[in-house]
Amino acid sequence: MNSKIRIIQMFATVFIIFVAAIQWLVILERVWALIWEWYKFYGYDNDGGITVGVGTQVLFYLLSSGFALAGLILSSKSSDDPSFQKKLNRFSVIALLSGMILWTLILISPFVTFR
């Protein structure tokens, strides 16, 4: 394979892993905010919760899906090559998809309101 293509694929792999890490940081921050709001307002009428924007959530899902698809494409490019890069791409896809599933479960909980 051409060395320039390999370099581009490696940068794409690192970028997708970076995106997955940022996604998890945002999800964990929102979970922490949800727990804090619930703790702070426990016993009141609405028991606390977080407010999220609908447009932001659509953008979150579109970007997460796009990066997961890019990682999946990169991991399937060399199907016979069990390289470290391929494993990293698969890990990033799993991280992105599991983050989306966790965030979906949080969004359908009664502790989240949409604006």
Protein backbone atom coordinates (compact mmCIF):
# COMPACT_ATOMS: atom_id res chain seq x y z
CA MET A 1 0.00 0.00 0.00
CA ASN A 2 1.16 3.50 -0.71
CA SER A 3 2.88 5.12 2.27
CA LYS A 4 0.94 8.39 1.86
CA ILE A 5 -2.36 6.54 2.08
CA ARG A 6 -1.15 4.71 5.19
CA ILE A 7 -0.19 8.00 6.82
CA ILE A 8 -3.58 9.51 6.02
CA GLN A 9 -5.30 6.42 7.40
CA MET A 10 -3.24 6.61 10.59
CA PHE A 11 -4.14 10.28 11.10
CA ALA A 12 -7.81 9.42 10.48
CA THR A 13 -7.55 6.62 13.05
CA VAL A 14 -6.05 8.94 15.65
CA PHE A 15 -8.71 11.57 14.92
CA ILE A 16 -11.57 9.07 15.29
CA ILE A 17 -10.13 7.84 18.60
CA PHE A 18 -9.88 11.47 19.72
CA VAL A 19 -13.53 12.03 18.75
CA ALA A 20 -14.58 8.92 20.70
CA ALA A 21 -12.69 10.17 23.77
CA ILE A 22 -14.31 13.62 23.51
CA GLN A 23 -17.73 11.99 23.11
CA TRP A 24 -17.23 9.97 26.30
CA LEU A 25 -15.99 13.04 28.20
CA VAL A 26 -19.14 14.94 27.21
CA ILE A 27 -21.39 12.01 28.14
CA LEU A 28 -19.69 11.55 31.52
CA GLU A 29 -19.95 15.28 32.21
CA ARG A 30 -23.67 15.25 31.44
CA VAL A 31 -24.17 12.16 33.61
CA TRP A 32 -22.34 13.91 36.45
CA ALA A 33 -24.56 17.00 35.97
CA LEU A 34 -27.64 14.79 36.00
CA ILE A 35 -26.58 13.06 39.22
CA TRP A 36 -25.76 16.40 40.84
CA GLU A 37 -29.09 17.97 39.84
CA TRP A 38 -30.98 14.93 41.06
CA TYR A 39 -29.10 15.00 44.38
CA LYS A 40 -29.56 18.75 44.82
CA PHE A 41 -33.29 18.78 44.06
CA TYR A 42 -34.31 15.39 45.46
CA GLY A 43 -37.65 15.69 47.23
CA TYR A 44 -38.88 18.69 45.25
CA ASP A 45 -41.63 18.53 42.63
CA ASN A 46 -39.53 17.50 39.63
CA ASP A 47 -36.57 15.84 41.47
CA GLY A 48 -34.05 17.68 39.29
CA GLY A 49 -32.73 16.87 35.86
CA ILE A 50 -30.92 18.34 32.89
CA THR A 51 -32.17 20.24 29.87
CA VAL A 52 -30.83 19.46 26.40
CA GLY A 53 -31.47 21.06 23.04
CA VAL A 54 -33.11 19.07 20.28
CA GLY A 55 -30.84 20.50 17.59
CA THR A 56 -27.77 19.67 19.63
CA GLN A 57 -28.93 16.08 20.01
CA VAL A 58 -29.55 15.70 16.28
CA LEU A 59 -26.07 17.06 15.58
CA PHE A 60 -24.60 14.72 18.23
CA TYR A 61 -26.18 11.66 16.61
CA LEU A 62 -25.28 12.68 13.06
CA LEU A 63 -21.64 13.34 13.92
CA SER A 64 -21.31 10.22 16.07
CA SER A 65 -22.82 8.08 13.33
CA GLY A 66 -20.57 9.63 10.69
CA PHE A 67 -17.40 9.08 12.69
CA ALA A 68 -18.46 5.53 13.61
CA LEU A 69 -19.04 4.81 9.92
CA ALA A 70 -15.63 6.26 9.03
CA GLY A 71 -14.00 4.08 11.68
CA LEU A 72 -15.85 1.04 10.39
CA ILE A 73 -14.73 1.75 6.84
CA LEU A 74 -11.13 2.20 7.98
CA SER A 75 -11.24 -1.03 9.97
CA SER A 76 -12.59 -3.01 7.04
CA LYS A 77 -10.15 -1.64 4.44
CA SER A 78 -7.56 -4.29 5.21
CA SER A 79 -9.73 -7.23 6.20
CA ASP A 80 -6.84 -9.75 6.04
CA ASP A 81 -4.36 -7.57 7.91
CA PRO A 82 -4.70 -7.97 11.70
CA SER A 83 -2.87 -4.72 12.34
CA PHE A 84 -2.91 -2.57 15.44
CA GLN A 85 -4.50 0.24 13.43
CA LYS A 86 -7.42 -1.99 12.47
CA LYS A 87 -7.95 -2.93 16.13
CA LEU A 88 -7.87 0.73 17.12
CA ASN A 89 -10.50 1.55 14.52
CA ARG A 90 -12.75 -1.24 15.74
CA PHE A 91 -12.28 -0.08 19.33
CA SER A 92 -13.22 3.47 18.38
CA VAL A 93 -16.34 2.25 16.55
CA ILE A 94 -17.40 0.24 19.59
CA ALA A 95 -16.70 3.23 21.85
CA LEU A 96 -18.74 5.58 19.66
CA LEU A 97 -21.68 3.18 19.34
CA SER A 98 -21.75 2.29 23.02
CA GLY A 99 -21.63 6.00 23.87
CA MET A 100 -24.60 6.60 21.59
CA ILE A 101 -26.53 3.76 23.23
CA LEU A 102 -25.78 5.05 26.75
CA TRP A 103 -26.75 8.59 25.77
CA THR A 104 -30.00 7.33 24.23
CA LEU A 105 -30.85 5.57 27.49
CA ILE A 106 -30.17 8.80 29.38
CA LEU A 107 -32.30 10.84 26.97
CA ILE A 108 -35.33 8.58 27.36
CA SER A 109 -35.09 8.74 31.15
CA PRO A 110 -37.52 11.03 33.00
CA PHE A 111 -34.60 13.18 34.22
CA VAL A 112 -34.05 14.88 30.85
CA THR A 113 -36.17 17.63 29.36
CA PHE A 114 -35.85 18.99 25.83
CA ARG A 115 -35.99 22.61 24.82
